[in-house]
Protein backbone atom coordinates (compact mmCIF):
# COMPACT_ATOMS: atom_id res chain seq x y z
CA MET A 1 1.80 6.80 -15.86
CA ALA A 2 1.26 3.50 -17.65
CA LEU A 3 3.27 0.87 -15.83
CA SER A 4 2.61 -2.76 -16.65
CA ASP A 5 3.57 -4.14 -13.23
CA PRO A 6 1.84 -2.33 -10.35
CA LEU A 7 4.92 -2.87 -8.20
CA ASP A 8 6.90 -0.66 -10.59
CA ARG A 9 5.06 2.19 -8.86
CA ILE A 10 6.99 1.45 -5.63
CA THR A 11 10.65 2.32 -5.23
CA VAL A 12 13.20 1.82 -2.48
CA ASP A 13 16.17 4.17 -2.35
CA PRO A 14 18.38 4.61 0.72
CA LYS A 15 18.53 8.35 -0.08
CA VAL A 16 14.73 8.76 0.02
CA MET A 17 12.84 8.47 3.32
CA ALA A 18 15.68 6.43 4.86
CA GLY A 19 15.13 3.62 2.37
CA LYS A 20 11.45 3.04 3.13
CA PRO A 21 9.36 1.93 0.14
CA VAL A 22 7.66 4.96 -1.44
CA ILE A 23 5.38 5.76 -4.35
CA ARG A 24 7.69 6.41 -7.32
CA GLY A 25 8.57 10.08 -7.68
CA THR A 26 7.22 11.01 -4.23
CA ARG A 27 8.15 10.84 -0.58
CA ILE A 28 4.86 9.12 0.27
CA THR A 29 5.66 5.88 2.06
CA VAL A 30 3.83 2.61 1.74
CA ASP A 31 3.42 2.43 5.51
CA LEU A 32 1.73 5.86 5.56
CA ILE A 33 -0.80 4.70 2.99
CA LEU A 34 -1.49 1.50 4.94
CA GLU A 35 -1.87 3.38 8.21
CA LEU A 36 -4.34 5.81 6.64
CA LEU A 37 -6.35 2.92 5.20
CA ALA A 38 -6.33 1.17 8.59
CA HIS A 39 -7.77 4.32 10.16
CA GLY A 40 -10.65 4.30 7.71
CA VAL A 41 -9.48 6.84 5.16
CA LYS A 42 -10.80 5.87 1.74
CA ALA A 43 -8.33 5.12 -1.05
CA GLU A 44 -9.88 7.89 -3.13
CA GLU A 45 -9.29 10.41 -0.34
CA ILE A 46 -5.66 9.34 0.01
CA ALA A 47 -5.12 9.66 -3.73
CA GLU A 48 -6.67 13.12 -3.78
CA ASP A 49 -5.04 14.42 -0.59
CA TYR A 50 -1.55 13.24 -1.58
CA SER A 51 -1.82 13.87 -5.35
CA ILE A 52 -1.27 10.24 -6.28
CA SER A 53 -3.42 7.83 -8.27
CA LEU A 54 -5.71 5.08 -7.05
CA GLU A 55 -3.32 2.71 -8.81
CA ASP A 56 -0.53 4.02 -6.55
CA VAL A 57 -2.63 3.26 -3.47
CA ARG A 58 -3.40 -0.23 -4.78
CA ALA A 59 0.30 -0.78 -5.55
CA ALA A 60 1.15 0.07 -1.94
CA ILE A 61 -1.33 -2.52 -0.71
CA LEU A 62 0.01 -5.11 -3.15
CA TYR A 63 3.60 -4.34 -2.13
CA ALA A 64 2.76 -4.86 1.55
CA ALA A 65 0.90 -8.10 0.78
CA ARG A 66 3.87 -9.47 -1.16
CA ILE A 67 6.33 -8.56 1.58
CA LEU A 68 4.16 -10.08 4.30
CA GLY A 69 3.58 -13.15 2.15
CA ARG A 70 7.30 -13.87 2.36
CA GLU A 71 7.41 -13.66 6.15
CA GLU A 72 8.06 -16.83 8.06
CA ILE A 73 6.34 -17.00 11.41
CA THR A 74 7.83 -19.08 14.19
CA PHE A 75 5.56 -19.98 17.06
CA VAL A 76 7.07 -20.43 20.50
CA ARG A 77 5.22 -22.56 22.98
CA GLU A 78 4.25 -20.72 26.15
CA ALA A 79 6.44 -22.92 28.36
CA GLU A 80 9.51 -22.17 26.21
CA ALA A 81 8.76 -18.45 26.18
CA THR A 82 8.63 -18.20 29.96
CA THR A 83 11.92 -20.05 30.49
CA LYS A 84 13.95 -17.84 28.20
């Protein structure tokens, strides 16, 4: 699979996995890949165990980074938080 943009490897379809982002052509969700990585599973193991490529694993990481990069964080002072 030769895709020029790594994010082309990620798709979102309301009919697949309730609209969660998945590796194209699979039901493997981005959040599953991230959770496995967070628990110390190596990218190579994930690729082998789920029959996807290392590029797919990297695309999942990139997708998550781009989504989180758009997040706006609002800090609430402690005094305001306790009065609400």
